[in-house]
Amino acid sequence: MNKVEIYLKNSIKKNKLPRVMLLLGPDEDIKFLIAIKIMTGIFCNNNQETGNINLYGCQKCFICAQILAQNHPCIQIIKSDPEFKSEIQIKKIKEITLNSKQVSWIFPAAHHLNKSAGNLLSRIIETPTKDRFFILITSYAYMLPSTLVSKCSHIFFRTENINPVENNTNYEIPEKLIDRMSFIEKLIKSKIDLSILLKYWSQKASKDFKQSLLNAEHDNKTHVNKQLILESLLLSNIQFKP
């Protein structure tokens, strides 16, 4: 675990996690996946019942499954609206004030907040309530209202230092074909997010293998079967060194 992950894990354990977080750094896609997994760490049943804190939750309980599938009723993801020049309109922020439930919010591209929406959100987060979290994600903090930025806890991610898992499991790609076959079987059984794993491999991939990883990322985004993606990537590219 890197320093950021250790900080977040200890904050969850001590119930001192900032209620309003601004995730900064490159690669908004991977920061969004991290935001989703931070939510699993916050609300995971096993974390709360056992006290044995896993930063990204157990990823096995019903709560974790809902959050990872992005359909938990108490976690809302606010995205930009293509009909309004990809801006996040103030009406979406007003929904926060009308929601009586303890809902937490993720903004995958917070810099798309228009001026009115950003200013209203700034006022809302002045008095965050217990178990209600806001995670804003951007690589362009200068596009946000300064009042909003000043009220957030800034968390900087260097994505090249982020491991796809919290434990010490080895996810390095084997060189031999027979080892890759058993490696794929292990990955299929695991709960690891394929998007994060592909990003992790791309950090030190050869030029040829990076292109294959880009193709795999595209297939993953279009919901191609995980096993087919891994077999195509790892068995068809045996001549490429990862």
C-alpha atoms as a PDB file:
ATOM      1  CA  MET A   1       0.000   0.000   0.000  1.00  0.00           C
ATOM      2  CA  ASN A   2       1.210   3.500  -0.730  1.00  0.00           C
ATOM      3  CA  LYS A   3       1.003   6.480   1.640  1.00  0.00           C
ATOM      4  CA  VAL A   4      -2.355   7.676   0.302  1.00  0.00           C
ATOM      5  CA  GLU A   5      -3.949   4.262   0.727  1.00  0.00           C
ATOM      6  CA  ILE A   6      -2.534   3.896   4.247  1.00  0.00           C
ATOM      7  CA  TYR A   7      -3.947   7.319   5.143  1.00  0.00           C
ATOM      8  CA  LEU A   8      -7.397   6.422   3.787  1.00  0.00           C
ATOM      9  CA  LYS A   9      -7.441   3.038   5.527  1.00  0.00           C
ATOM     10  CA  ASN A  10      -6.460   4.525   8.893  1.00  0.00           C
ATOM     11  CA  SER A  11      -9.037   7.298   8.461  1.00  0.00           C
ATOM     12  CA  ILE A  12     -11.806   4.756   7.867  1.00  0.00           C
ATOM     13  CA  LYS A  13     -10.639   2.702  10.844  1.00  0.00           C
ATOM     14  CA  LYS A  14     -10.668   5.734  13.153  1.00  0.00           C
ATOM     15  CA  ASN A  15     -13.912   7.059  11.657  1.00  0.00           C
ATOM     16  CA  LYS A  16     -12.075  10.223  10.634  1.00  0.00           C
ATOM     17  CA  LEU A  17     -12.388   9.978   6.876  1.00  0.00           C
ATOM     18  CA  PRO A  18     -13.017  13.445   5.370  1.00  0.00           C
ATOM     19  CA  ARG A  19     -16.665  13.891   4.432  1.00  0.00           C
ATOM     20  CA  VAL A  20     -15.686  15.877   1.326  1.00  0.00           C
ATOM     21  CA  MET A  21     -12.778  14.617  -0.777  1.00  0.00           C
ATOM     22  CA  LEU A  22     -11.243  15.963  -3.967  1.00  0.00           C
ATOM     23  CA  LEU A  23      -9.291  13.248  -5.791  1.00  0.00           C
ATOM     24  CA  LEU A  24      -6.548  14.843  -7.869  1.00  0.00           C
ATOM     25  CA  GLY A  25      -3.997  13.504 -10.296  1.00  0.00           C
ATOM     26  CA  PRO A  26      -3.925  11.997 -13.782  1.00  0.00           C
ATOM     27  CA  ASP A  27      -6.274   9.370 -15.198  1.00  0.00           C
ATOM     28  CA  GLU A  28      -9.829  10.132 -14.159  1.00  0.00           C
ATOM     29  CA  ASP A  29     -11.043   6.622 -15.049  1.00  0.00           C
ATOM     30  CA  ILE A  30      -8.861   4.937 -12.463  1.00  0.00           C
ATOM     31  CA  LYS A  31      -9.635   7.621  -9.852  1.00  0.00           C
ATOM     32  CA  PHE A  32     -13.343   6.920 -10.431  1.00  0.00           C
ATOM     33  CA  LEU A  33     -12.781   3.206  -9.808  1.00  0.00           C
ATOM     34  CA  ILE A  34     -10.856   4.093  -6.655  1.00  0.00           C
ATOM     35  CA  ALA A  35     -13.732   6.343  -5.514  1.00  0.00           C
ATOM     36  CA  ILE A  36     -16.173   3.462  -5.974  1.00  0.00           C
ATOM     37  CA  LYS A  37     -13.925   1.188  -3.946  1.00  0.00           C
ATOM     38  CA  ILE A  38     -13.443   3.781  -1.211  1.00  0.00           C
ATOM     39  CA  MET A  39     -17.224   3.729  -0.860  1.00  0.00           C
ATOM     40  CA  THR A  40     -17.099  -0.050  -0.411  1.00  0.00           C
ATOM     41  CA  GLY A  41     -14.524   0.450   2.339  1.00  0.00           C
ATOM     42  CA  ILE A  42     -16.796   2.956   4.081  1.00  0.00           C
ATOM     43  CA  PHE A  43     -20.012   0.958   3.936  1.00  0.00           C
ATOM     44  CA  CYS A  44     -18.798  -2.681   3.744  1.00  0.00           C
ATOM     45  CA  ASN A  45     -20.744  -4.925   6.154  1.00  0.00           C
ATOM     46  CA  ASN A  46     -17.657  -6.944   7.065  1.00  0.00           C
ATOM     47  CA  ASN A  47     -15.602  -3.825   7.779  1.00  0.00           C
ATOM     48  CA  GLN A  48     -18.278  -2.553  10.162  1.00  0.00           C
ATOM     49  CA  GLU A  49     -18.991  -5.880  11.858  1.00  0.00           C
ATOM     50  CA  THR A  50     -15.474  -7.251  12.287  1.00  0.00           C
ATOM     51  CA  GLY A  51     -13.470  -4.039  12.645  1.00  0.00           C
ATOM     52  CA  ASN A  52     -10.831  -5.642  10.405  1.00  0.00           C
ATOM     53  CA  ILE A  53     -10.641  -2.755   7.960  1.00  0.00           C
ATOM     54  CA  ASN A  54      -9.980  -3.386   4.274  1.00  0.00           C
ATOM     55  CA  LEU A  55      -9.624  -0.094   2.405  1.00  0.00           C
ATOM     56  CA  TYR A  56     -11.626  -1.348  -0.548  1.00  0.00           C
ATOM     57  CA  GLY A  57     -14.101  -3.433   1.448  1.00  0.00           C
ATOM     58  CA  CYS A  58     -14.395  -7.213   1.369  1.00  0.00           C
ATOM     59  CA  GLN A  59     -15.890  -7.064  -2.166  1.00  0.00           C
ATOM     60  CA  LYS A  60     -17.979 -10.106  -1.230  1.00  0.00           C
ATOM     61  CA  CYS A  61     -20.883  -8.872   0.906  1.00  0.00           C
ATOM     62  CA  PHE A  62     -24.169  -7.654  -0.554  1.00  0.00           C
ATOM     63  CA  ILE A  63     -23.334  -3.988   0.111  1.00  0.00           C
ATOM     64  CA  CYS A  64     -19.982  -4.239  -1.682  1.00  0.00           C
ATOM     65  CA  ALA A  65     -21.600  -6.019  -4.624  1.00  0.00           C
ATOM     66  CA  GLN A  66     -24.182  -3.257  -4.989  1.00  0.00           C
ATOM     67  CA  ILE A  67     -21.595  -0.481  -4.810  1.00  0.00           C
ATOM     68  CA  LEU A  68     -19.245  -2.160  -7.291  1.00  0.00           C
ATOM     69  CA  ALA A  69     -22.173  -2.646  -9.671  1.00  0.00           C
ATOM     70  CA  GLN A  70     -22.970   1.075  -9.206  1.00  0.00           C
ATOM     71  CA  ASN A  71     -26.560   0.380  -8.164  1.00  0.00           C
ATOM     72  CA  HIS A  72     -26.502   0.995  -4.412  1.00  0.00           C
ATOM     73  CA  PRO A  73     -29.499   3.219  -3.604  1.00  0.00           C
ATOM     74  CA  CYS A  74     -27.535   5.407  -1.190  1.00  0.00           C
ATOM     75  CA  ILE A  75     -24.627   6.204  -3.500  1.00  0.00           C
ATOM     76  CA  GLN A  76     -25.374   8.525  -6.388  1.00  0.00           C
ATOM     77  CA  ILE A  77     -23.038   9.192  -9.312  1.00  0.00           C
ATOM     78  CA  ILE A  78     -23.445  12.655 -10.831  1.00  0.00           C
ATOM     79  CA  LYS A  79     -22.302  12.833 -14.436  1.00  0.00           C
ATOM     80  CA  SER A  80     -22.363  15.614 -16.984  1.00  0.00           C
ATOM     81  CA  ASP A  81     -25.331  15.994 -19.304  1.00  0.00           C
ATOM     82  CA  PRO A  82     -24.522  15.832 -23.049  1.00  0.00           C
ATOM     83  CA  GLU A  83     -27.644  17.891 -23.763  1.00  0.00           C
ATOM     84  CA  PHE A  84     -26.086  20.850 -21.932  1.00  0.00           C
ATOM     85  CA  LYS A  85     -22.617  20.925 -23.522  1.00  0.00           C
ATOM     86  CA  SER A  86     -21.460  18.188 -21.133  1.00  0.00           C
ATOM     87  CA  GLU A  87     -22.017  20.436 -18.114  1.00  0.00           C
ATOM     88  CA  ILE A  88     -23.402  19.395 -14.743  1.00  0.00           C
ATOM     89  CA  GLN A  89     -26.434  21.613 -14.312  1.00  0.00           C
ATOM     90  CA  ILE A  90     -27.634  23.216 -11.069  1.00  0.00           C
ATOM     91  CA  LYS A  91     -30.817  21.130 -11.095  1.00  0.00           C
ATOM     92  CA  LYS A  92     -28.749  18.018 -10.397  1.00  0.00           C
ATOM     93  CA  ILE A  93     -27.193  19.688  -7.369  1.00  0.00           C
ATOM     94  CA  LYS A  94     -30.591  20.823  -6.124  1.00  0.00           C
ATOM     95  CA  GLU A  95     -31.575  17.139  -5.973  1.00  0.00           C
ATOM     96  CA  ILE A  96     -29.019  16.752  -3.180  1.00  0.00           C
ATOM     97  CA  THR A  97     -30.891  19.245  -1.010  1.00  0.00           C
ATOM     98  CA  LEU A  98     -34.205  17.503  -1.734  1.00  0.00           C
ATOM     99  CA  ASN A  99     -32.924  14.041  -0.846  1.00  0.00           C
ATOM    100  CA  SER A 100     -33.889  13.156   2.714  1.00  0.00           C
ATOM    101  CA  LYS A 101     -31.892   9.897   2.765  1.00  0.00           C
ATOM    102  CA  GLN A 102     -28.295   9.565   3.851  1.00  0.00           C
ATOM    103  CA  VAL A 103     -26.982   9.543   0.299  1.00  0.00           C
ATOM    104  CA  SER A 104     -23.307   9.858  -0.656  1.00  0.00           C
ATOM    105  CA  TRP A 105     -22.220  11.349  -3.951  1.00  0.00           C
ATOM    106  CA  ILE A 106     -19.479  10.774  -6.508  1.00  0.00           C
ATOM    107  CA  PHE A 107     -18.662  13.332  -9.226  1.00  0.00           C
ATOM    108  CA  PRO A 108     -16.475  11.497 -11.811  1.00  0.00           C
ATOM    109  CA  ALA A 109     -15.654  14.731 -13.677  1.00  0.00           C
ATOM    110  CA  ALA A 110     -16.218  17.519 -11.185  1.00  0.00           C
ATOM    111  CA  HIS A 111     -14.748  20.150 -13.520  1.00  0.00           C
ATOM    112  CA  HIS A 112     -17.936  19.804 -15.592  1.00  0.00           C
ATOM    113  CA  LEU A 113     -19.903  21.571 -12.859  1.00  0.00           C
ATOM    114  CA  ASN A 114     -21.103  24.867 -14.272  1.00  0.00           C
ATOM    115  CA  LYS A 115     -20.607  27.987 -12.164  1.00  0.00           C
ATOM    116  CA  SER A 116     -24.055  27.959 -10.537  1.00  0.00           C
ATOM    117  CA  ALA A 117     -23.870  24.234  -9.771  1.00  0.00           C
ATOM    118  CA  GLY A 118     -20.374  24.560  -8.312  1.00  0.00           C
ATOM    119  CA  ASN A 119     -21.341  27.453  -6.074  1.00  0.00           C
ATOM    120  CA  LEU A 120     -24.456  25.660  -4.799  1.00  0.00           C
ATOM    121  CA  LEU A 121     -22.468  22.503  -4.078  1.00  0.00           C
ATOM    122  CA  SER A 122     -19.960  24.629  -2.185  1.00  0.00           C
ATOM    123  CA  ARG A 123     -22.746  25.830   0.107  1.00  0.00           C
ATOM    124  CA  ILE A 124     -24.180  22.331   0.576  1.00  0.00           C
ATOM    125  CA  ILE A 125     -20.907  20.772   1.700  1.00  0.00           C
ATOM    126  CA  GLU A 126     -20.373  23.423   4.377  1.00  0.00           C
ATOM    127  CA  THR A 127     -22.420  21.286   6.763  1.00  0.00           C
ATOM    128  CA  PRO A 128     -21.833  17.653   5.768  1.00  0.00           C
ATOM    129  CA  THR A 129     -23.703  15.136   7.909  1.00  0.00           C
ATOM    130  CA  LYS A 130     -22.573  11.837   9.372  1.00  0.00           C
ATOM    131  CA  ASP A 131     -22.316   8.954   6.892  1.00  0.00           C
ATOM    132  CA  ARG A 132     -22.822  11.332   3.978  1.00  0.00           C
ATOM    133  CA  PHE A 133     -19.763  11.633   1.771  1.00  0.00           C
ATOM    134  CA  PHE A 134     -18.877  13.651  -1.309  1.00  0.00           C
ATOM    135  CA  ILE A 135     -16.072  12.498  -3.609  1.00  0.00           C
ATOM    136  CA  LEU A 136     -15.131  14.898  -6.395  1.00  0.00           C
ATOM    137  CA  ILE A 137     -12.774  13.714  -9.115  1.00  0.00           C
ATOM    138  CA  THR A 138     -10.826  15.888 -11.511  1.00  0.00           C
ATOM    139  CA  SER A 139      -7.497  16.524 -13.151  1.00  0.00           C
ATOM    140  CA  TYR A 140      -8.458  20.185 -13.614  1.00  0.00           C
ATOM    141  CA  ALA A 141      -9.040  21.657 -10.166  1.00  0.00           C
ATOM    142  CA  TYR A 142      -8.484  25.176 -11.511  1.00  0.00           C
ATOM    143  CA  MET A 143     -11.832  24.874 -13.345  1.00  0.00           C
ATOM    144  CA  LEU A 144     -13.735  24.504 -10.055  1.00  0.00           C
ATOM    145  CA  PRO A 145     -14.914  27.458  -7.926  1.00  0.00           C
ATOM    146  CA  SER A 146     -12.165  28.353  -5.464  1.00  0.00           C
ATOM    147  CA  THR A 147     -14.674  28.273  -2.589  1.00  0.00           C
ATOM    148  CA  LEU A 148     -15.511  24.653  -3.441  1.00  0.00           C
ATOM    149  CA  VAL A 149     -11.883  23.596  -3.749  1.00  0.00           C
ATOM    150  CA  SER A 150     -11.011  25.204  -0.398  1.00  0.00           C
ATOM    151  CA  LYS A 151     -13.676  23.167   1.424  1.00  0.00           C
ATOM    152  CA  CYS A 152     -12.434  19.804   0.162  1.00  0.00           C
ATOM    153  CA  SER A 153      -9.739  17.538   1.561  1.00  0.00           C
ATOM    154  CA  HIS A 154      -7.279  17.166  -1.305  1.00  0.00           C
ATOM    155  CA  ILE A 155      -6.045  13.652  -2.019  1.00  0.00           C
ATOM    156  CA  PHE A 156      -3.355  13.360  -4.681  1.00  0.00           C
ATOM    157  CA  PHE A 157      -2.974  10.085  -6.562  1.00  0.00           C
ATOM    158  CA  ARG A 158       0.012   9.113  -8.621  1.00  0.00           C
ATOM    159  CA  THR A 159      -1.608   6.292 -10.562  1.00  0.00           C
ATOM    160  CA  GLU A 160       1.689   4.573 -11.312  1.00  0.00           C
ATOM    161  CA  ASN A 161       2.007   3.870  -7.582  1.00  0.00           C
ATOM    162  CA  ILE A 162      -1.485   2.432  -7.145  1.00  0.00           C
ATOM    163  CA  ASN A 163      -1.653  -1.331  -6.903  1.00  0.00           C
ATOM    164  CA  PRO A 164      -4.852  -3.033  -8.064  1.00  0.00           C
ATOM    165  CA  VAL A 165      -5.200  -4.879  -4.780  1.00  0.00           C
ATOM    166  CA  GLU A 166      -4.555  -4.072  -1.161  1.00  0.00           C
ATOM    167  CA  ASN A 167      -2.780  -7.285  -0.215  1.00  0.00           C
ATOM    168  CA  ASN A 168       0.452  -8.746  -1.542  1.00  0.00           C
ATOM    169  CA  THR A 169      -1.099 -11.083  -4.111  1.00  0.00           C
ATOM    170  CA  ASN A 170       1.115 -11.440  -7.162  1.00  0.00           C
ATOM    171  CA  TYR A 171      -0.557 -10.177 -10.344  1.00  0.00           C
ATOM    172  CA  GLU A 172       2.536 -10.148 -12.525  1.00  0.00           C
ATOM    173  CA  ILE A 173       1.943 -11.882 -15.876  1.00  0.00           C
ATOM    174  CA  PRO A 174       3.814 -15.200 -16.195  1.00  0.00           C
ATOM    175  CA  GLU A 175       6.021 -15.715 -19.259  1.00  0.00           C
ATOM    176  CA  LYS A 176       5.175 -19.378 -19.954  1.00  0.00           C
ATOM    177  CA  LEU A 177       1.944 -20.300 -21.734  1.00  0.00           C
ATOM    178  CA  ILE A 178       0.986 -23.060 -19.294  1.00  0.00           C
ATOM    179  CA  ASP A 179       1.470 -20.683 -16.359  1.00  0.00           C
ATOM    180  CA  ARG A 180      -0.675 -18.060 -18.047  1.00  0.00           C
ATOM    181  CA  MET A 181      -3.543 -20.536 -18.397  1.00  0.00           C
ATOM    182  CA  SER A 182      -3.657 -21.170 -14.647  1.00  0.00           C
ATOM    183  CA  PHE A 183      -3.090 -17.443 -14.069  1.00  0.00           C
ATOM    184  CA  ILE A 184      -6.221 -16.633 -16.104  1.00  0.00           C
ATOM    185  CA  GLU A 185      -8.205 -19.175 -14.091  1.00  0.00           C
ATOM    186  CA  LYS A 186      -7.091 -17.467 -10.876  1.00  0.00           C
ATOM    187  CA  LEU A 187      -8.093 -14.045 -12.201  1.00  0.00           C
ATOM    188  CA  ILE A 188     -11.540 -15.274 -13.255  1.00  0.00           C
ATOM    189  CA  LYS A 189     -12.189 -16.539  -9.723  1.00  0.00           C
ATOM    190  CA  SER A 190     -10.899 -13.349  -8.112  1.00  0.00           C
ATOM    191  CA  LYS A 191     -12.978 -10.231  -7.455  1.00  0.00           C
ATOM    192  CA  ILE A 192     -10.355  -7.865  -8.824  1.00  0.00           C
ATOM    193  CA  ASP A 193     -11.598  -5.132 -11.152  1.00  0.00           C
ATOM    194  CA  LEU A 194     -10.303  -5.835 -14.652  1.00  0.00           C
ATOM    195  CA  SER A 195     -10.035  -2.118 -15.517  1.00  0.00           C
ATOM    196  CA  ILE A 196      -7.622  -1.480 -12.646  1.00  0.00           C
ATOM    197  CA  LEU A 197      -5.645  -4.611 -13.491  1.00  0.00           C
ATOM    198  CA  LEU A 198      -5.201  -3.497 -17.105  1.00  0.00           C
ATOM    199  CA  LYS A 199      -4.018  -0.072 -15.925  1.00  0.00           C
ATOM    200  CA  TYR A 200      -1.605  -1.758 -13.532  1.00  0.00           C
ATOM    201  CA  TRP A 201      -0.086  -3.901 -16.303  1.00  0.00           C
ATOM    202  CA  SER A 202       0.210  -0.949 -18.680  1.00  0.00           C
ATOM    203  CA  GLN A 203       2.548   0.876 -16.273  1.00  0.00           C
ATOM    204  CA  LYS A 204       5.501  -1.279 -17.271  1.00  0.00           C
ATOM    205  CA  ALA A 205       4.328  -2.961 -20.468  1.00  0.00           C
ATOM    206  CA  SER A 206       6.362  -3.118 -23.667  1.00  0.00           C
ATOM    207  CA  LYS A 207       5.236  -0.951 -26.578  1.00  0.00           C
ATOM    208  CA  ASP A 208       3.627  -3.879 -28.438  1.00  0.00           C
ATOM    209  CA  PHE A 209       1.858  -5.195 -25.365  1.00  0.00           C
ATOM    210  CA  LYS A 210       0.534  -1.721 -24.493  1.00  0.00           C
ATOM    211  CA  GLN A 211      -1.468  -1.715 -27.735  1.00  0.00           C
ATOM    212  CA  SER A 212      -2.983  -5.063 -26.789  1.00  0.00           C
ATOM    213  CA  LEU A 213      -3.865  -3.644 -23.377  1.00  0.00           C
ATOM    214  CA  LEU A 214      -5.606  -0.680 -25.024  1.00  0.00           C
ATOM    215  CA  ASN A 215      -7.675  -3.115 -27.092  1.00  0.00           C
ATOM    216  CA  ALA A 216      -8.519  -5.058 -23.934  1.00  0.00           C
ATOM    217  CA  GLU A 217      -9.600  -1.851 -22.163  1.00  0.00           C
ATOM    218  CA  HIS A 218     -11.924  -1.062 -25.070  1.00  0.00           C
ATOM    219  CA  ASP A 219     -13.433  -4.569 -24.928  1.00  0.00           C
ATOM    220  CA  ASN A 220     -13.912  -4.265 -21.182  1.00  0.00           C
ATOM    221  CA  LYS A 221     -15.765  -0.959 -21.558  1.00  0.00           C
ATOM    222  CA  THR A 222     -18.096  -2.584 -24.095  1.00  0.00           C
ATOM    223  CA  HIS A 223     -18.855  -5.394 -21.610  1.00  0.00           C
ATOM    224  CA  VAL A 224     -17.089  -8.219 -23.414  1.00  0.00           C
ATOM    225  CA  ASN A 225     -16.798 -11.343 -21.235  1.00  0.00           C
ATOM    226  CA  LYS A 226     -13.880 -11.079 -18.782  1.00  0.00           C
ATOM    227  CA  GLN A 227     -12.553 -14.545 -19.617  1.00  0.00           C
ATOM    228  CA  LEU A 228     -12.552 -13.862 -23.366  1.00  0.00           C
ATOM    229  CA  ILE A 229     -10.650 -10.612 -22.810  1.00  0.00           C
ATOM    230  CA  LEU A 230      -7.988 -12.285 -20.682  1.00  0.00           C
ATOM    231  CA  GLU A 231      -7.575 -15.251 -23.031  1.00  0.00           C
ATOM    232  CA  SER A 232      -7.252 -12.977 -26.047  1.00  0.00           C
ATOM    233  CA  LEU A 233      -4.795 -10.730 -24.234  1.00  0.00           C
ATOM    234  CA  LEU A 234      -2.587 -13.291 -22.516  1.00  0.00           C
ATOM    235  CA  LEU A 235      -2.734 -16.335 -24.800  1.00  0.00           C
ATOM    236  CA  SER A 236      -2.707 -14.619 -28.184  1.00  0.00           C
ATOM    237  CA  ASN A 237       0.191 -12.357 -27.207  1.00  0.00           C
ATOM    238  CA  ILE A 238       2.538 -14.950 -25.793  1.00  0.00           C
ATOM    239  CA  GLN A 239       5.309 -13.646 -28.061  1.00  0.00           C
ATOM    240  CA  PHE A 240       5.120 -10.242 -26.361  1.00  0.00           C
ATOM    241  CA  LYS A 241       6.886  -9.803 -23.087  1.00  0.00           C
ATOM    242  CA  PRO A 242       4.574  -8.014 -20.617  1.00  0.00           C
END
